[in-house]
């Protein structure tokens, strides 16, 4: 017969289909997808806000008004924090200084404790 390049009839194609189904979208995650949609919406919101504040920044810059520029910088930083991260101003910064980008579980902490003392190398400020 002509079973040549397709796995030879019964069964050869099933294995290929199984592998294809498993590896088609290994990182497809509903939470990640939703978070990316929310992130894009927050970024659009920030861009709209920046469009509103830009004329005020240009005017303060043209007038060489350092006080107004400092106030605008503070307003922008505060509003950016709220828009992008949904928190109070400086809340994210306080969290990042205390915990960084780490996410841990009790099991992970227990495992680390079994190997104490630990030395963190090359972590910098993150």
Foldseek 3Di string as FASTA:
>chain_A
DPLPPQQRDPPSVVVVVVVCVCPVCVPDDPVVVVVVVLQVVLVVVLVVVCVVCVVVCVVCVVVVPPVSNVVSVVVSQQVNCCSRPVDGRCPVVVCCQVPNPDDDDPVRVVVVVVVPPDDDPPPPRD
